[in-house]
Amino acid sequence: MLEFATSKYGATFPMFSKIDVNGDDTCNVYKFLKAGNPDEEGNEDIAWNFTKFLVGKDGQGLKRCGPQVTPEDIAVAVTAHT
């Protein structure tokens, strides 16, 4: 992936390896973000790319937003928690 991104697109920013967001090998940060923070249907697993999590200044998860939610929609929640 790194070689592809650098040779094809000239990417020079730091890249991380792929992580699991669901299942037995879920990355700890996603375990934390998903715990007690289900989607609109009550599922904690992430079903699709671009699921977003709003995290407060204290490090606690405040809100989970699905892929269809825009940054403009989230701005209202961000303003409410600042």
Protein backbone atom coordinates (compact mmCIF):
# COMPACT_ATOMS: atom_id res chain seq x y z
CA MET A 1 0.00 0.00 0.00
CA LEU A 2 2.78 2.46 0.90
CA GLU A 3 4.67 1.77 -2.30
CA PHE A 4 1.47 2.15 -4.35
CA ALA A 5 0.52 5.46 -2.70
CA THR A 6 4.00 6.92 -3.04
CA SER A 7 4.71 5.77 -6.60
CA LYS A 8 1.24 6.33 -8.07
CA TYR A 9 0.20 9.48 -6.20
CA GLY A 10 3.43 10.91 -4.79
CA ALA A 11 2.11 10.69 -1.22
CA THR A 12 4.67 11.91 1.30
CA PHE A 13 2.60 12.00 4.50
CA PRO A 14 2.95 9.33 7.23
CA MET A 15 0.78 6.25 6.65
CA PHE A 16 -0.42 3.65 9.05
CA SER A 17 -1.18 0.00 8.51
CA LYS A 18 -4.70 -1.30 8.15
CA ILE A 19 -6.50 -2.05 11.42
CA ASP A 20 -9.62 -4.01 12.33
CA VAL A 21 -12.62 -2.02 13.53
CA ASN A 22 -14.86 -5.04 14.16
CA GLY A 23 -14.39 -8.61 15.31
CA ASP A 24 -11.95 -10.37 17.61
CA ASP A 25 -8.95 -8.27 16.51
CA THR A 26 -10.62 -4.86 16.86
CA CYS A 27 -8.12 -2.07 17.55
CA ASN A 28 -8.40 -0.79 21.13
CA VAL A 29 -9.36 2.73 20.12
CA TYR A 30 -12.36 1.40 18.18
CA LYS A 31 -13.33 -0.88 21.05
CA PHE A 32 -13.39 2.24 23.23
CA LEU A 33 -15.28 4.40 20.72
CA LYS A 34 -17.93 1.78 19.98
CA ALA A 35 -18.55 0.66 23.58
CA GLY A 36 -21.95 1.94 24.64
CA ASN A 37 -22.19 4.06 21.51
CA PRO A 38 -24.33 2.10 19.01
CA ASP A 39 -25.48 3.25 15.59
CA GLU A 40 -29.05 4.30 14.80
CA GLU A 41 -30.11 0.63 14.61
CA GLY A 42 -28.54 -0.30 17.96
CA ASN A 43 -25.44 -2.03 16.53
CA GLU A 44 -22.01 -1.30 17.99
CA ASP A 45 -20.13 -2.76 15.00
CA ILE A 46 -19.16 -0.34 12.25
CA ALA A 47 -21.06 -1.31 9.12
CA TRP A 48 -19.60 1.13 6.63
CA ASN A 49 -16.65 3.46 5.99
CA PHE A 50 -16.78 7.04 7.16
CA THR A 51 -18.49 6.40 10.48
CA LYS A 52 -17.46 9.33 12.65
CA PHE A 53 -17.06 9.67 16.41
CA LEU A 54 -17.14 12.95 18.27
CA VAL A 55 -14.84 12.85 21.30
CA GLY A 56 -14.97 15.44 24.08
CA LYS A 57 -12.10 17.35 25.65
CA ASP A 58 -12.10 14.79 28.45
CA GLY A 59 -11.53 11.94 25.99
CA GLN A 60 -15.02 10.48 26.36
CA GLY A 61 -17.13 9.59 23.34
CA LEU A 62 -19.96 12.06 22.87
CA LYS A 63 -21.64 11.09 19.64
CA ARG A 64 -21.48 8.57 16.83
CA CYS A 65 -22.43 9.69 13.33
CA GLY A 66 -23.10 7.51 10.33
CA PRO A 67 -21.46 7.90 6.92
CA GLN A 68 -24.31 10.04 5.59
CA VAL A 69 -23.79 12.71 8.28
CA THR A 70 -21.84 15.67 6.92
CA PRO A 71 -19.22 17.75 8.75
CA GLU A 72 -21.73 20.61 8.66
CA ASP A 73 -24.24 18.44 10.54
CA ILE A 74 -21.60 17.58 13.14
CA ALA A 75 -20.69 21.26 13.61
CA VAL A 76 -23.88 21.74 15.61
CA ALA A 77 -22.85 19.00 18.06
CA VAL A 78 -19.29 20.32 18.24
CA THR A 79 -20.52 23.81 19.08
CA ALA A 80 -22.83 22.41 21.76
CA HIS A 81 -19.88 20.67 23.50
CA THR A 82 -17.31 23.47 23.44
